Amino acid sequence: MKYMVAELLFKAAKAWCEEDKICILLSDNREIRFPVELNQKLKTASFVQRNNIEIICNGTGLHWPDLDEDLSLPGIMEGRFSG
């Protein structure tokens, strides 16, 4: 199986929403955040929908089941915020 370097380096341990930001705690205790306005589905969602985040793909992805939206950590780190 082939992996991107980013998939091996960045794993989400926890994800949550604070006001208008999505926050991700990485397995090495670094934290990243991005504004919800960068993603159309997150931008128009309620706070409850935004905060219902599942960590998927062995920690390399985020899924919002209420919105049918998925983002990868490598994509987020590269500045790609649309699923």
N, C-alpha and C. Protein backbone atom coordinates (compact mmCIF):
# COMPACT_ATOMS: atom_id res chain seq x y z
N MET A 1 0.84 -1.17 0.00
CA MET A 1 0.00 0.00 0.00
C MET A 1 0.89 1.24 0.00
N LYS A 2 0.53 2.22 -0.82
CA LYS A 2 1.29 3.46 -0.91
C LYS A 2 0.63 4.52 -0.05
N TYR A 3 1.46 5.33 0.59
CA TYR A 3 0.97 6.43 1.41
C TYR A 3 1.67 7.71 0.99
N MET A 4 0.97 8.81 1.14
CA MET A 4 1.60 10.11 0.99
C MET A 4 2.31 10.41 2.30
N VAL A 5 3.37 11.19 2.25
CA VAL A 5 4.08 11.56 3.47
C VAL A 5 3.13 12.24 4.44
N ALA A 6 2.26 13.11 3.94
CA ALA A 6 1.32 13.81 4.81
C ALA A 6 0.40 12.84 5.55
N GLU A 7 0.03 11.73 4.92
CA GLU A 7 -0.84 10.74 5.58
C GLU A 7 -0.12 10.05 6.73
N LEU A 8 1.18 9.95 6.64
CA LEU A 8 1.94 9.33 7.71
C LEU A 8 2.25 10.31 8.84
N LEU A 9 2.32 11.60 8.52
CA LEU A 9 2.69 12.61 9.51
C LEU A 9 1.50 13.20 10.25
N PHE A 10 0.37 13.36 9.58
CA PHE A 10 -0.77 14.06 10.16
C PHE A 10 -1.90 13.10 10.48
N LYS A 11 -2.17 12.90 11.76
CA LYS A 11 -3.29 12.07 12.20
C LYS A 11 -4.11 12.88 13.19
N ALA A 12 -5.41 12.91 13.01
CA ALA A 12 -6.29 13.63 13.92
C ALA A 12 -6.58 12.77 15.15
N ALA A 13 -6.46 13.37 16.31
CA ALA A 13 -6.82 12.72 17.56
C ALA A 13 -8.20 13.19 18.03
N LYS A 14 -8.55 14.43 17.67
CA LYS A 14 -9.81 15.02 18.10
C LYS A 14 -10.16 16.14 17.14
N ALA A 15 -11.44 16.36 16.91
CA ALA A 15 -11.88 17.47 16.06
C ALA A 15 -13.16 18.06 16.65
N TRP A 16 -13.29 19.38 16.58
CA TRP A 16 -14.45 20.06 17.13
C TRP A 16 -14.61 21.42 16.45
N CYS A 17 -15.73 22.05 16.73
CA CYS A 17 -16.02 23.37 16.16
C CYS A 17 -16.04 24.40 17.29
N GLU A 18 -15.41 25.53 17.07
CA GLU A 18 -15.47 26.68 17.97
C GLU A 18 -15.95 27.86 17.16
N GLU A 19 -17.16 28.32 17.44
CA GLU A 19 -17.77 29.43 16.72
C GLU A 19 -17.67 29.23 15.21
N ASP A 20 -16.77 29.93 14.53
CA ASP A 20 -16.68 29.83 13.07
C ASP A 20 -15.38 29.17 12.61
N LYS A 21 -14.80 28.32 13.46
CA LYS A 21 -13.55 27.63 13.12
C LYS A 21 -13.70 26.12 13.38
N ILE A 22 -13.10 25.33 12.50
CA ILE A 22 -12.96 23.90 12.74
C ILE A 22 -11.58 23.71 13.35
N CYS A 23 -11.53 23.00 14.47
CA CYS A 23 -10.29 22.79 15.21
C CYS A 23 -9.93 21.31 15.18
N ILE A 24 -8.67 21.03 14.96
CA ILE A 24 -8.21 19.65 14.89
C ILE A 24 -6.98 19.50 15.76
N LEU A 25 -7.04 18.58 16.72
CA LEU A 25 -5.89 18.25 17.54
C LEU A 25 -5.21 17.05 16.89
N LEU A 26 -3.95 17.22 16.52
CA LEU A 26 -3.21 16.14 15.88
C LEU A 26 -2.62 15.21 16.93
N SER A 27 -2.26 14.02 16.53
CA SER A 27 -1.75 13.01 17.46
C SER A 27 -0.46 13.42 18.14
N ASP A 28 0.26 14.39 17.57
CA ASP A 28 1.50 14.87 18.21
C ASP A 28 1.25 16.14 19.03
N ASN A 29 -0.01 16.41 19.35
CA ASN A 29 -0.47 17.54 20.16
C ASN A 29 -0.39 18.90 19.47
N ARG A 30 -0.08 18.94 18.18
CA ARG A 30 -0.22 20.19 17.44
C ARG A 30 -1.70 20.40 17.15
N GLU A 31 -2.08 21.65 16.98
CA GLU A 31 -3.47 21.96 16.70
C GLU A 31 -3.54 22.83 15.44
N ILE A 32 -4.49 22.51 14.58
CA ILE A 32 -4.71 23.34 13.40
C ILE A 32 -6.17 23.77 13.40
N ARG A 33 -6.42 24.91 12.79
CA ARG A 33 -7.77 25.47 12.70
C ARG A 33 -7.97 26.08 11.32
N PHE A 34 -9.20 26.05 10.88
CA PHE A 34 -9.52 26.77 9.64
C PHE A 34 -10.94 27.31 9.74
N PRO A 35 -11.19 28.46 9.10
CA PRO A 35 -12.51 29.06 9.15
C PRO A 35 -13.53 28.26 8.34
N VAL A 36 -14.74 28.10 8.88
CA VAL A 36 -15.78 27.34 8.19
C VAL A 36 -16.17 27.99 6.87
N GLU A 37 -15.95 29.27 6.72
CA GLU A 37 -16.33 29.95 5.48
C GLU A 37 -15.56 29.46 4.26
N LEU A 38 -14.49 28.70 4.47
CA LEU A 38 -13.73 28.15 3.35
C LEU A 38 -14.39 26.93 2.72
N ASN A 39 -15.45 26.42 3.35
CA ASN A 39 -16.17 25.26 2.84
C ASN A 39 -17.65 25.60 2.78
N GLN A 40 -18.27 25.50 1.63
CA GLN A 40 -19.65 25.92 1.44
C GLN A 40 -20.62 25.18 2.36
N LYS A 41 -20.46 23.87 2.50
CA LYS A 41 -21.39 23.11 3.35
C LYS A 41 -21.23 23.49 4.82
N LEU A 42 -20.00 23.67 5.28
CA LEU A 42 -19.77 24.06 6.67
C LEU A 42 -20.25 25.48 6.92
N LYS A 43 -20.06 26.34 5.94
CA LYS A 43 -20.44 27.75 6.06
C LYS A 43 -21.94 27.91 6.28
N THR A 44 -22.74 27.08 5.62
CA THR A 44 -24.20 27.22 5.71
C THR A 44 -24.82 26.31 6.77
N ALA A 45 -24.01 25.49 7.44
CA ALA A 45 -24.53 24.54 8.43
C ALA A 45 -24.74 25.21 9.78
N SER A 46 -25.55 24.57 10.60
CA SER A 46 -25.73 25.04 11.97
C SER A 46 -24.51 24.65 12.81
N PHE A 47 -24.38 25.26 13.97
CA PHE A 47 -23.27 24.92 14.85
C PHE A 47 -23.32 23.44 15.25
N VAL A 48 -24.51 22.92 15.52
CA VAL A 48 -24.65 21.51 15.89
C VAL A 48 -24.18 20.61 14.75
N GLN A 49 -24.56 20.92 13.52
CA GLN A 49 -24.12 20.13 12.36
C GLN A 49 -22.61 20.22 12.17
N ARG A 50 -22.06 21.41 12.34
CA ARG A 50 -20.61 21.59 12.20
C ARG A 50 -19.83 20.82 13.25
N ASN A 51 -20.40 20.74 14.45
CA ASN A 51 -19.69 20.11 15.57
C ASN A 51 -19.84 18.59 15.59
N ASN A 52 -20.68 18.04 14.73
CA ASN A 52 -20.84 16.59 14.65
C ASN A 52 -19.80 16.07 13.65
N ILE A 53 -18.58 15.87 14.15
CA ILE A 53 -17.44 15.49 13.31
C ILE A 53 -16.96 14.10 13.70
N GLU A 54 -16.78 13.26 12.70
CA GLU A 54 -16.20 11.93 12.92
C GLU A 54 -14.79 11.91 12.32
N ILE A 55 -13.87 11.28 13.03
CA ILE A 55 -12.53 11.08 12.50
C ILE A 55 -12.54 9.75 11.75
N ILE A 56 -12.12 9.77 10.49
CA ILE A 56 -12.19 8.58 9.64
C ILE A 56 -10.82 8.28 9.03
N CYS A 57 -10.74 7.16 8.34
CA CYS A 57 -9.55 6.77 7.58
C CYS A 57 -8.29 6.75 8.43
N ASN A 58 -8.40 6.10 9.57
CA ASN A 58 -7.24 5.96 10.46
C ASN A 58 -6.66 7.31 10.89
N GLY A 59 -7.54 8.30 11.08
CA GLY A 59 -7.10 9.61 11.55
C GLY A 59 -6.68 10.58 10.47
N THR A 60 -6.81 10.20 9.20
CA THR A 60 -6.38 11.09 8.12
C THR A 60 -7.54 11.83 7.46
N GLY A 61 -8.76 11.65 7.97
CA GLY A 61 -9.90 12.33 7.37
C GLY A 61 -10.92 12.73 8.41
N LEU A 62 -11.76 13.70 8.03
CA LEU A 62 -12.87 14.15 8.86
C LEU A 62 -14.15 13.97 8.07
N HIS A 63 -15.21 13.57 8.78
CA HIS A 63 -16.51 13.34 8.13
C HIS A 63 -17.59 14.04 8.95
N TRP A 64 -18.46 14.77 8.27
CA TRP A 64 -19.62 15.40 8.88
C TRP A 64 -20.85 14.64 8.39
N PRO A 65 -21.37 13.68 9.16
CA PRO A 65 -22.48 12.85 8.69
C PRO A 65 -23.76 13.64 8.40
N ASP A 66 -24.01 14.71 9.15
CA ASP A 66 -25.21 15.51 8.92
C ASP A 66 -25.15 16.28 7.61
N LEU A 67 -23.93 16.48 7.10
CA LEU A 67 -23.74 17.30 5.90
C LEU A 67 -23.27 16.49 4.70
N ASP A 68 -22.99 15.20 4.91
CA ASP A 68 -22.41 14.35 3.88
C ASP A 68 -21.16 15.02 3.28
N GLU A 69 -20.26 15.44 4.17
CA GLU A 69 -19.04 16.13 3.76
C GLU A 69 -17.83 15.42 4.35
N ASP A 70 -16.79 15.27 3.56
CA ASP A 70 -15.53 14.65 3.99
C ASP A 70 -14.38 15.55 3.57
N LEU A 71 -13.41 15.69 4.47
CA LEU A 71 -12.17 16.40 4.16
C LEU A 71 -11.01 15.55 4.64
N SER A 72 -9.94 15.56 3.87
CA SER A 72 -8.75 14.82 4.30
C SER A 72 -7.79 15.78 5.00
N LEU A 73 -7.03 15.27 5.96
CA LEU A 73 -6.03 16.11 6.62
C LEU A 73 -4.96 16.57 5.64
N PRO A 74 -4.46 15.69 4.75
CA PRO A 74 -3.50 16.19 3.77
C PRO A 74 -4.09 17.33 2.93
N GLY A 75 -5.35 17.21 2.56
CA GLY A 75 -6.00 18.27 1.79
C GLY A 75 -6.10 19.57 2.58
N ILE A 76 -6.49 19.46 3.84
CA ILE A 76 -6.58 20.65 4.70
C ILE A 76 -5.21 21.31 4.81
N MET A 77 -4.18 20.49 5.03
CA MET A 77 -2.82 21.03 5.16
C MET A 77 -2.34 21.69 3.86
N GLU A 78 -2.89 21.25 2.74
CA GLU A 78 -2.53 21.83 1.44
C GLU A 78 -3.44 23.00 1.06
N GLY A 79 -4.42 23.32 1.91
CA GLY A 79 -5.31 24.43 1.63
C GLY A 79 -6.52 24.10 0.80
N ARG A 80 -6.87 22.80 0.72
CA ARG A 80 -8.06 22.37 -0.02
C ARG A 80 -9.17 22.11 0.99
N PHE A 81 -10.21 22.94 1.00
CA PHE A 81 -11.24 22.86 2.02
C PHE A 81 -12.60 22.44 1.49
N SER A 82 -12.70 22.08 0.23
CA SER A 82 -13.95 21.60 -0.34
C SER A 82 -13.88 20.11 -0.56
N GLY A 83 -14.95 19.40 -0.16
CA GLY A 83 -14.96 17.95 -0.31
C GLY A 83 -15.27 17.52 -1.72
